[in-house]
PDB file of N, CA and C in Angstrom:
ATOM      1  N   MET A   1      36.579 -10.169  39.490  1.00  0.00           N
ATOM      2  CA  MET A   1      36.312  -9.337  37.952  1.00  0.00           C
ATOM      3  C   MET A   1      37.291 -10.163  36.760  1.00  0.00           C
ATOM      4  N   THR A   2      39.080 -10.514  37.097  1.00  0.00           N
ATOM      5  CA  THR A   2      40.004 -11.194  36.158  1.00  0.00           C
ATOM      6  C   THR A   2      39.894 -12.192  36.197  1.00  0.00           C
ATOM      7  N   ALA A   3      39.114 -12.849  37.058  1.00  0.00           N
ATOM      8  CA  ALA A   3      39.205 -14.095  36.687  1.00  0.00           C
ATOM      9  C   ALA A   3      37.760 -14.535  35.935  1.00  0.00           C
ATOM     10  N   ALA A   4      37.136 -14.327  35.592  1.00  0.00           N
ATOM     11  CA  ALA A   4      36.204 -13.727  34.965  1.00  0.00           C
ATOM     12  C   ALA A   4      35.884 -13.567  33.172  1.00  0.00           C
ATOM     13  N   PHE A   5      37.230 -12.687  33.565  1.00  0.00           N
ATOM     14  CA  PHE A   5      37.166 -11.725  32.127  1.00  0.00           C
ATOM     15  C   PHE A   5      38.492 -13.204  31.525  1.00  0.00           C
ATOM     16  N   ARG A   6      39.146 -13.407  32.477  1.00  0.00           N
ATOM     17  CA  ARG A   6      40.268 -14.345  31.291  1.00  0.00           C
ATOM     18  C   ARG A   6      39.682 -15.421  31.322  1.00  0.00           C
ATOM     19  N   THR A   7      38.118 -16.265  31.835  1.00  0.00           N
ATOM     20  CA  THR A   7      37.984 -17.449  31.350  1.00  0.00           C
ATOM     21  C   THR A   7      37.029 -16.800  30.166  1.00  0.00           C
ATOM     22  N   LEU A   8      36.399 -15.845  29.669  1.00  0.00           N
ATOM     23  CA  LEU A   8      35.313 -15.602  28.564  1.00  0.00           C
ATOM     24  C   LEU A   8      36.936 -15.033  27.805  1.00  0.00           C
ATOM     25  N   LEU A   9      38.008 -14.494  27.769  1.00  0.00           N
ATOM     26  CA  LEU A   9      38.810 -14.213  26.761  1.00  0.00           C
ATOM     27  C   LEU A   9      39.404 -15.345  26.640  1.00  0.00           C
ATOM     28  N   PHE A  10      40.055 -16.345  27.171  1.00  0.00           N
ATOM     29  CA  PHE A  10      40.557 -17.950  26.628  1.00  0.00           C
ATOM     30  C   PHE A  10      39.010 -18.646  26.003  1.00  0.00           C
ATOM     31  N   GLY A  11      37.944 -18.873  26.020  1.00  0.00           N
ATOM     32  CA  GLY A  11      37.330 -19.287  25.322  1.00  0.00           C
ATOM     33  C   GLY A  11      36.502 -18.422  24.399  1.00  0.00           C
ATOM     34  N   GLY A  12      36.589 -17.403  23.883  1.00  0.00           N
ATOM     35  CA  GLY A  12      36.425 -16.699  23.050  1.00  0.00           C
ATOM     36  C   GLY A  12      37.323 -17.185  22.418  1.00  0.00           C
ATOM     37  N   GLY A  13      38.229 -16.670  22.808  1.00  0.00           N
ATOM     38  CA  GLY A  13      39.600 -17.034  21.865  1.00  0.00           C
ATOM     39  C   GLY A  13      39.599 -19.126  21.154  1.00  0.00           C
ATOM     40  N   ALA A  14      39.174 -19.754  22.118  1.00  0.00           N
ATOM     41  CA  ALA A  14      38.921 -21.276  22.117  1.00  0.00           C
ATOM     42  C   ALA A  14      38.300 -21.483  20.879  1.00  0.00           C
ATOM     43  N   LEU A  15      37.030 -20.512  21.020  1.00  0.00           N
ATOM     44  CA  LEU A  15      36.147 -21.122  20.086  1.00  0.00           C
ATOM     45  C   LEU A  15      36.075 -20.396  18.337  1.00  0.00           C
ATOM     46  N   GLY A  16      36.681 -19.040  18.804  1.00  0.00           N
ATOM     47  CA  GLY A  16      37.001 -17.829  17.671  1.00  0.00           C
ATOM     48  C   GLY A  16      38.379 -19.499  16.554  1.00  0.00           C
ATOM     49  N   GLY A  17      39.477 -19.874  17.462  1.00  0.00           N
ATOM     50  CA  GLY A  17      39.829 -20.811  16.612  1.00  0.00           C
ATOM     51  C   GLY A  17      39.249 -21.906  16.298  1.00  0.00           C
ATOM     52  N   LEU A  18      38.349 -22.446  16.691  1.00  0.00           N
ATOM     53  CA  LEU A  18      37.199 -23.734  16.187  1.00  0.00           C
ATOM     54  C   LEU A  18      36.612 -23.107  15.217  1.00  0.00           C
ATOM     55  N   THR A  19      35.985 -22.158  14.856  1.00  0.00           N
ATOM     56  CA  THR A  19      35.175 -21.005  13.828  1.00  0.00           C
ATOM     57  C   THR A  19      36.091 -21.164  13.192  1.00  0.00           C
ATOM     58  N   ALA A  20      37.344 -20.229  13.138  1.00  0.00           N
ATOM     59  CA  ALA A  20      38.262 -20.153  12.220  1.00  0.00           C
ATOM     60  C   ALA A  20      38.639 -21.298  11.145  1.00  0.00           C
ATOM     61  N   GLY A  21      38.984 -22.602  11.735  1.00  0.00           N
ATOM     62  CA  GLY A  21      39.268 -24.105  11.149  1.00  0.00           C
ATOM     63  C   GLY A  21      37.970 -24.373  10.021  1.00  0.00           C
ATOM     64  N   LEU A  22      37.082 -23.707  11.175  1.00  0.00           N
ATOM     65  CA  LEU A  22      35.408 -24.950  10.059  1.00  0.00           C
ATOM     66  C   LEU A  22      35.126 -24.258   8.794  1.00  0.00           C
ATOM     67  N   LEU A  23      35.589 -22.312   8.895  1.00  0.00           N
ATOM     68  CA  LEU A  23      35.478 -21.657   8.086  1.00  0.00           C
ATOM     69  C   LEU A  23      36.816 -22.044   7.115  1.00  0.00           C
ATOM     70  N   ALA A  24      37.453 -22.359   7.227  1.00  0.00           N
ATOM     71  CA  ALA A  24      38.500 -22.408   6.370  1.00  0.00           C
ATOM     72  C   ALA A  24      38.917 -23.854   5.350  1.00  0.00           C
ATOM     73  N   GLY A  25      37.702 -24.580   6.780  1.00  0.00           N
ATOM     74  CA  GLY A  25      37.633 -25.576   5.666  1.00  0.00           C
ATOM     75  C   GLY A  25      36.406 -26.013   4.721  1.00  0.00           C
ATOM     76  N   ARG A  26      35.447 -25.499   5.066  1.00  0.00           N
ATOM     77  CA  ARG A  26      34.362 -24.701   4.536  1.00  0.00           C
ATOM     78  C   ARG A  26      35.021 -24.674   2.652  1.00  0.00           C
ATOM     79  N   ILE A  27      35.363 -22.495   2.832  1.00  0.00           N
ATOM     80  CA  ILE A  27      35.677 -21.724   1.917  1.00  0.00           C
ATOM     81  C   ILE A  27      36.715 -21.751   1.357  1.00  0.00           C
ATOM     82  N   GLY A  28      38.326 -22.381   2.457  1.00  0.00           N
ATOM     83  CA  GLY A  28      39.375 -22.138   2.032  1.00  0.00           C
ATOM     84  C   GLY A  28      40.112 -21.248   2.751  1.00  0.00           C
ATOM     85  N   ALA A  29      41.481 -21.655   2.763  1.00  0.00           N
ATOM     86  CA  ALA A  29      41.829 -20.313   3.345  1.00  0.00           C
ATOM     87  C   ALA A  29      42.089 -18.411   3.405  1.00  0.00           C
ATOM     88  N   GLU A  30      41.934 -18.481   1.883  1.00  0.00           N
ATOM     89  CA  GLU A  30      41.659 -17.284   1.474  1.00  0.00           C
ATOM     90  C   GLU A  30      40.096 -16.709   1.808  1.00  0.00           C
ATOM     91  N   GLY A  31      39.104 -17.388   1.606  1.00  0.00           N
ATOM     92  CA  GLY A  31      38.295 -17.210   1.828  1.00  0.00           C
ATOM     93  C   GLY A  31      37.580 -16.775   3.282  1.00  0.00           C
ATOM     94  N   ALA A  32      38.066 -17.536   4.630  1.00  0.00           N
ATOM     95  CA  ALA A  32      38.207 -17.204   6.246  1.00  0.00           C
ATOM     96  C   ALA A  32      38.911 -16.159   5.951  1.00  0.00           C
ATOM     97  N   LEU A  33      40.353 -15.424   5.344  1.00  0.00           N
ATOM     98  CA  LEU A  33      40.868 -14.287   5.294  1.00  0.00           C
ATOM     99  C   LEU A  33      40.087 -13.495   5.502  1.00  0.00           C
ATOM    100  N   THR A  34      39.476 -13.638   3.956  1.00  0.00           N
ATOM    101  CA  THR A  34      38.547 -12.141   3.948  1.00  0.00           C
ATOM    102  C   THR A  34      37.522 -11.774   4.749  1.00  0.00           C
ATOM    103  N   VAL A  35      36.755 -13.408   4.571  1.00  0.00           N
ATOM    104  CA  VAL A  35      35.593 -13.284   5.587  1.00  0.00           C
ATOM    105  C   VAL A  35      36.102 -12.206   7.302  1.00  0.00           C
ATOM    106  N   ALA A  36      37.216 -12.418   7.580  1.00  0.00           N
ATOM    107  CA  ALA A  36      37.866 -12.095   8.893  1.00  0.00           C
ATOM    108  C   ALA A  36      38.339 -10.186   8.626  1.00  0.00           C
ATOM    109  N   ALA A  37      38.738  -9.947   6.944  1.00  0.00           N
ATOM    110  CA  ALA A  37      39.053  -8.805   6.727  1.00  0.00           C
ATOM    111  C   ALA A  37      37.249  -7.677   7.075  1.00  0.00           C
ATOM    112  N   ILE A  38      36.554  -8.843   6.325  1.00  0.00           N
ATOM    113  CA  ILE A  38      34.844  -8.096   6.075  1.00  0.00           C
ATOM    114  C   ILE A  38      35.102  -7.482   8.065  1.00  0.00           C
ATOM    115  N   GLY A  39      34.831  -8.542   8.443  1.00  0.00           N
ATOM    116  CA  GLY A  39      34.448  -8.809   9.719  1.00  0.00           C
ATOM    117  C   GLY A  39      35.614  -7.533  10.447  1.00  0.00           C
ATOM    118  N   SER A  40      36.349  -6.711  10.197  1.00  0.00           N
ATOM    119  CA  SER A  40      37.101  -6.559  11.347  1.00  0.00           C
ATOM    120  C   SER A  40      36.768  -4.943  10.477  1.00  0.00           C
ATOM    121  N   ALA A  41      36.252  -4.293   9.503  1.00  0.00           N
ATOM    122  CA  ALA A  41      36.390  -3.591   8.639  1.00  0.00           C
ATOM    123  C   ALA A  41      34.595  -3.405   9.280  1.00  0.00           C
ATOM    124  N   VAL A  42      33.838  -3.722   9.824  1.00  0.00           N
ATOM    125  CA  VAL A  42      32.745  -4.134  10.345  1.00  0.00           C
ATOM    126  C   VAL A  42      32.745  -3.168  11.931  1.00  0.00           C
ATOM    127  N   VAL A  43      33.368  -3.941  12.581  1.00  0.00           N
ATOM    128  CA  VAL A  43      33.618  -2.936  13.827  1.00  0.00           C
ATOM    129  C   VAL A  43      34.454  -1.756  13.991  1.00  0.00           C
ATOM    130  N   VAL A  44      35.699  -1.904  13.423  1.00  0.00           N
ATOM    131  CA  VAL A  44      36.364   0.215  12.930  1.00  0.00           C
ATOM    132  C   VAL A  44      34.720   0.422  13.171  1.00  0.00           C
ATOM    133  N   ILE A  45      34.466   0.056  11.957  1.00  0.00           N
ATOM    134  CA  ILE A  45      32.764   1.024  10.783  1.00  0.00           C
ATOM    135  C   ILE A  45      32.144   1.883  12.344  1.00  0.00           C
ATOM    136  N   GLY A  46      31.541   0.633  12.919  1.00  0.00           N
ATOM    137  CA  GLY A  46      30.489   0.470  14.380  1.00  0.00           C
ATOM    138  C   GLY A  46      31.681   1.963  15.009  1.00  0.00           C
ATOM    139  N   LEU A  47      32.767   1.504  15.755  1.00  0.00           N
ATOM    140  CA  LEU A  47      33.472   2.451  16.618  1.00  0.00           C
ATOM    141  C   LEU A  47      33.052   3.434  15.923  1.00  0.00           C
ATOM    142  N   LEU A  48      33.328   3.458  14.518  1.00  0.00           N
ATOM    143  CA  LEU A  48      33.291   5.235  13.992  1.00  0.00           C
ATOM    144  C   LEU A  48      32.301   5.889  14.713  1.00  0.00           C
ATOM    145  N   VAL A  49      30.896   5.545  13.817  1.00  0.00           N
ATOM    146  CA  VAL A  49      30.015   6.172  14.147  1.00  0.00           C
ATOM    147  C   VAL A  49      29.442   6.437  15.551  1.00  0.00           C
ATOM    148  N   SER A  50      29.490   5.151  16.527  1.00  0.00           N
ATOM    149  CA  SER A  50      29.232   5.355  17.602  1.00  0.00           C
ATOM    150  C   SER A  50      29.947   6.196  18.743  1.00  0.00           C
ATOM    151  N   PRO A  51      28.996   6.774  19.854  1.00  0.00           N
ATOM    152  CA  PRO A  51      29.804   8.149  20.167  1.00  0.00           C
ATOM    153  C   PRO A  51      30.609   7.685  21.559  1.00  0.00           C
ATOM    154  N   VAL A  52      31.771   6.558  20.823  1.00  0.00           N
ATOM    155  CA  VAL A  52      32.715   6.022  21.270  1.00  0.00           C
ATOM    156  C   VAL A  52      33.547   6.694  21.852  1.00  0.00           C
ATOM    157  N   SER A  53      33.628   7.110  19.840  1.00  0.00           N
ATOM    158  CA  SER A  53      34.443   8.112  18.510  1.00  0.00           C
ATOM    159  C   SER A  53      34.763   9.199  20.025  1.00  0.00           C
ATOM    160  N   ARG A  54      33.361   9.671  19.544  1.00  0.00           N
ATOM    161  CA  ARG A  54      33.435  11.090  20.413  1.00  0.00           C
ATOM    162  C   ARG A  54      34.226  10.646  22.353  1.00  0.00           C
ATOM    163  N   LEU A  55      34.130  10.167  22.271  1.00  0.00           N
ATOM    164  CA  LEU A  55      34.167  10.454  24.289  1.00  0.00           C
ATOM    165  C   LEU A  55      35.234  10.634  24.259  1.00  0.00           C
ATOM    166  N   ARG A  56      35.443  11.914  25.029  1.00  0.00           N
ATOM    167  CA  ARG A  56      37.005  12.839  25.465  1.00  0.00           C
ATOM    168  C   ARG A  56      37.022  12.710  26.722  1.00  0.00           C
ATOM    169  N   ALA A  57      36.049  12.002  27.546  1.00  0.00           N
ATOM    170  CA  ALA A  57      36.282  11.753  29.270  1.00  0.00           C
ATOM    171  C   ALA A  57      35.675  10.593  29.566  1.00  0.00           C
ATOM    172  N   LEU A  58      35.993   9.705  30.210  1.00  0.00           N
ATOM    173  CA  LEU A  58      35.254   8.844  32.008  1.00  0.00           C
ATOM    174  C   LEU A  58      33.945   9.307  32.130  1.00  0.00           C
ATOM    175  N   PRO A  59      31.856   9.012  31.990  1.00  0.00           N
ATOM    176  CA  PRO A  59      31.391   9.203  32.340  1.00  0.00           C
ATOM    177  C   PRO A  59      31.529   9.777  34.645  1.00  0.00           C
ATOM    178  N   VAL A  60      30.821  10.548  34.927  1.00  0.00           N
ATOM    179  CA  VAL A  60      31.190  10.418  36.838  1.00  0.00           C
ATOM    180  C   VAL A  60      29.851  10.188  36.937  1.00  0.00           C
ATOM    181  N   ALA A  61      30.413   8.572  37.790  1.00  0.00           N
ATOM    182  CA  ALA A  61      29.993   7.436  38.352  1.00  0.00           C
ATOM    183  C   ALA A  61      29.116   8.577  39.607  1.00  0.00           C
ATOM    184  N   PRO A  62      27.503   8.330  39.660  1.00  0.00           N
ATOM    185  CA  PRO A  62      26.959   8.953  40.971  1.00  0.00           C
ATOM    186  C   PRO A  62      27.682   8.241  42.928  1.00  0.00           C
ATOM    187  N   SER A  63      27.639   9.366  43.110  1.00  0.00           N
ATOM    188  CA  SER A  63      28.668   8.770  44.978  1.00  0.00           C
ATOM    189  C   SER A  63      27.520   7.823  44.615  1.00  0.00           C
ATOM    190  N   ALA A  64      28.618   6.977  45.847  1.00  0.00           N
ATOM    191  CA  ALA A  64      27.145   5.891  46.726  1.00  0.00           C
ATOM    192  C   ALA A  64      26.949   6.418  48.271  1.00  0.00           C
ATOM    193  N   PRO A  65      25.938   6.070  48.426  1.00  0.00           N
ATOM    194  CA  PRO A  65      25.053   6.596  49.797  1.00  0.00           C
ATOM    195  C   PRO A  65      26.267   6.275  51.085  1.00  0.00           C
ATOM    196  N   ASP A  66      26.145   6.866  51.568  1.00  0.00           N
ATOM    197  CA  ASP A  66      27.643   6.906  53.087  1.00  0.00           C
ATOM    198  C   ASP A  66      26.594   5.569  53.849  1.00  0.00           C
ATOM    199  N   ALA A  67      28.274   4.563  54.601  1.00  0.00           N
ATOM    200  CA  ALA A  67      27.159   3.243  55.193  1.00  0.00           C
ATOM    201  C   ALA A  67      26.751   3.336  56.481  1.00  0.00           C
ATOM    202  N   ALA A  68      27.510   5.195  57.420  1.00  0.00           N
ATOM    203  CA  ALA A  68      26.967   5.532  58.086  1.00  0.00           C
ATOM    204  C   ALA A  68      25.692   6.028  58.241  1.00  0.00           C
ATOM    205  N   GLY A  69      25.293   6.463  57.160  1.00  0.00           N
ATOM    206  CA  GLY A  69      24.257   8.139  57.334  1.00  0.00           C
ATOM    207  C   GLY A  69      22.743   6.327  56.963  1.00  0.00           C
TER     208      GLY A  69
END
């Protein structure tokens, strides 16, 4: 699990850097930062309107059946 997560994290960071560089080259640094700020705001708004913001405890997972039984 950890290796897969790290692969996705580092791969996503590399793709994000490439995308940011291409975007800054096309519309300039100020425009790229504006796009990043709008994207961050959309994520925050999405979290605020989702059930995640009202979650107070983790849901209990169903127990696994006995291996002996």
